[in-house]
Amino acid sequence: MELMVLFDGRHVATLYERGRQMTMVYTDEAGPLDAPLVSMAMPVGSRRYDNQHARAFFRGLLPEGEARRMLAYDFRLDESDDMGLLAVLGRDCAGALVIRPGDSASRPSTNTVVPKAIDNSEVARRLRELPMHPLGVDQEIRVSLAGVQAKLLLTKLDSGHWGLPGDNVVSTHILKLAHRDLLDSVTNEAFCINLAARAGILAAHTTIATFAGSAVLVSERYDRRRVDGVLQRIHQEDACQALSVLTVVPEHKYEEFGGPTLAKIAGLLDLWGDAQSKEELLRQVAFHLVVGNADAHGKNVSFLHNNDGSVGLAPIYDVMSTEYYAAAYARPMSSTLGLFVNAKRNINDVTVEDLVAEAKRWGMRRMLAEQVIHQLLDRLPDAIEQAVNDIPSVPEALVDLIRARLHKIRTQAVRSDQAIAEQITRSSVDASEDERGTGRRRHHF
């Protein structure tokens, strides 16, 4: 079986599978050599990329868990059939790629088709049917998005109404239902994302909407952009795809089970990105610590590809306080970090000094790392008040938890500064005494 990989209407690569081994080869339409067109793990060149690289990236475009099982059943495919699922779902994926069967006669070159508008009652119906139709996929709607939570992909029209994505119609928003096992998940995530934005962190624009009486998280896709009235896809990939981490076993997206590390993520930014992106990565890591989100893993860190071949860190997304459920509901939530910080595994053991030490592993200077962290911590108190106004339904217990965690971390930062200042003072005094002692000995001789 083979599939065409299209980028902005160009057939840039071909995906093959023989004997359950997936490979990818670039075509002559791919563009400049060594550019990270499809993935940083697969720069443009003449080589055939093997199963480890190809499957890690392309499987990473597909939904996981029960959603994957349901979709495979609906299309009469084996659950393990990545190529088959890509063939039926690849018209609208994360990033800029469109994937179609190799014998497909049509190439989607523009996104000028006017989507079919639907009213809020139809949106509510499609949300109710997500357990039966993951992502809203049916005989006409063929879309794909990684993750396990129930989500609906829709297109926002110029009129403000919702529309259905389809051939040549790009989805622009992700509607996420409340987590069935976690109370307040919609307000929890909306508050955390808005708090990040208010604190100066690049964040996905996220709001809460109500359909048929149910609160739904509405997130604007950061990998879509409207230019002169035309929707464009912006290419992106997550850290698991970029580091060729295969997530057939979903736990592999966690560092604890062999997933990406912060040092490797920062290394990608050294190769393809810029220093500002590493500073943003540090802000995101520190923010996860403040709000108590232990579930930031390799598929929750993504990169945006720029037209010049460089890569930058994508906005923060999929953030909620996991520690809130342990504190407010005595729920047995894991405190093990998805991405360790300075080898610390438990989110409650990580200190400001650990954040600085982790950043130094990435090649950042201590002074710069401290400055980035302190600026974020200084902005957060006001940002919390602003985010409460953004999301008035946020539980008071969640806000109190975040305030308490912030106070603890800011206190650590002050103590760390004092300790460093005292160390510098002691070093200066010791150096001065040594100098005087040396001077006396010289005088003696």
Foldseek 3Di string as FASTA:
>chain_A
DKKFKDFLLDRQKMWDADPNKIKIAGDPRNDDFQFQRQALQDTHDGDIGTRLQVQLFQVQQAEDDLLLVLVCVVVVHDSPPSVVLCQQQQCETAFRIRMHHPVDPDTLNFLPDDFDFDALQVVLVLQVCCSNHAQSDDPFARHGHYDDFGKHFWDQDPVRTIGGAGHSHYTFKIKGFDDPVDPPRQLQQLLLQLLCVLLPAFGFDWAWDDGPRGIIIITTRPQWDADPNTIHGWGKGWQSSNVSPHPPPVLQQFVVNVHDAPLVVLVLCVVFNDPVQLLSVLLVVLSCLLLQPQECTRRQWMWTADPVSGIHTHHGHPDGHQVLCCVVVVDPDDQAHSHDQLPDGGSVVDALVSSLVRSVSSVDDSVSSLVSNVSSLVSNVVSSVVSCVRRVVRDPSSSVSSVVSSVVRVVRSVVVVVVVVVVVVVVVVVVVVVVVVVVVVVVVD
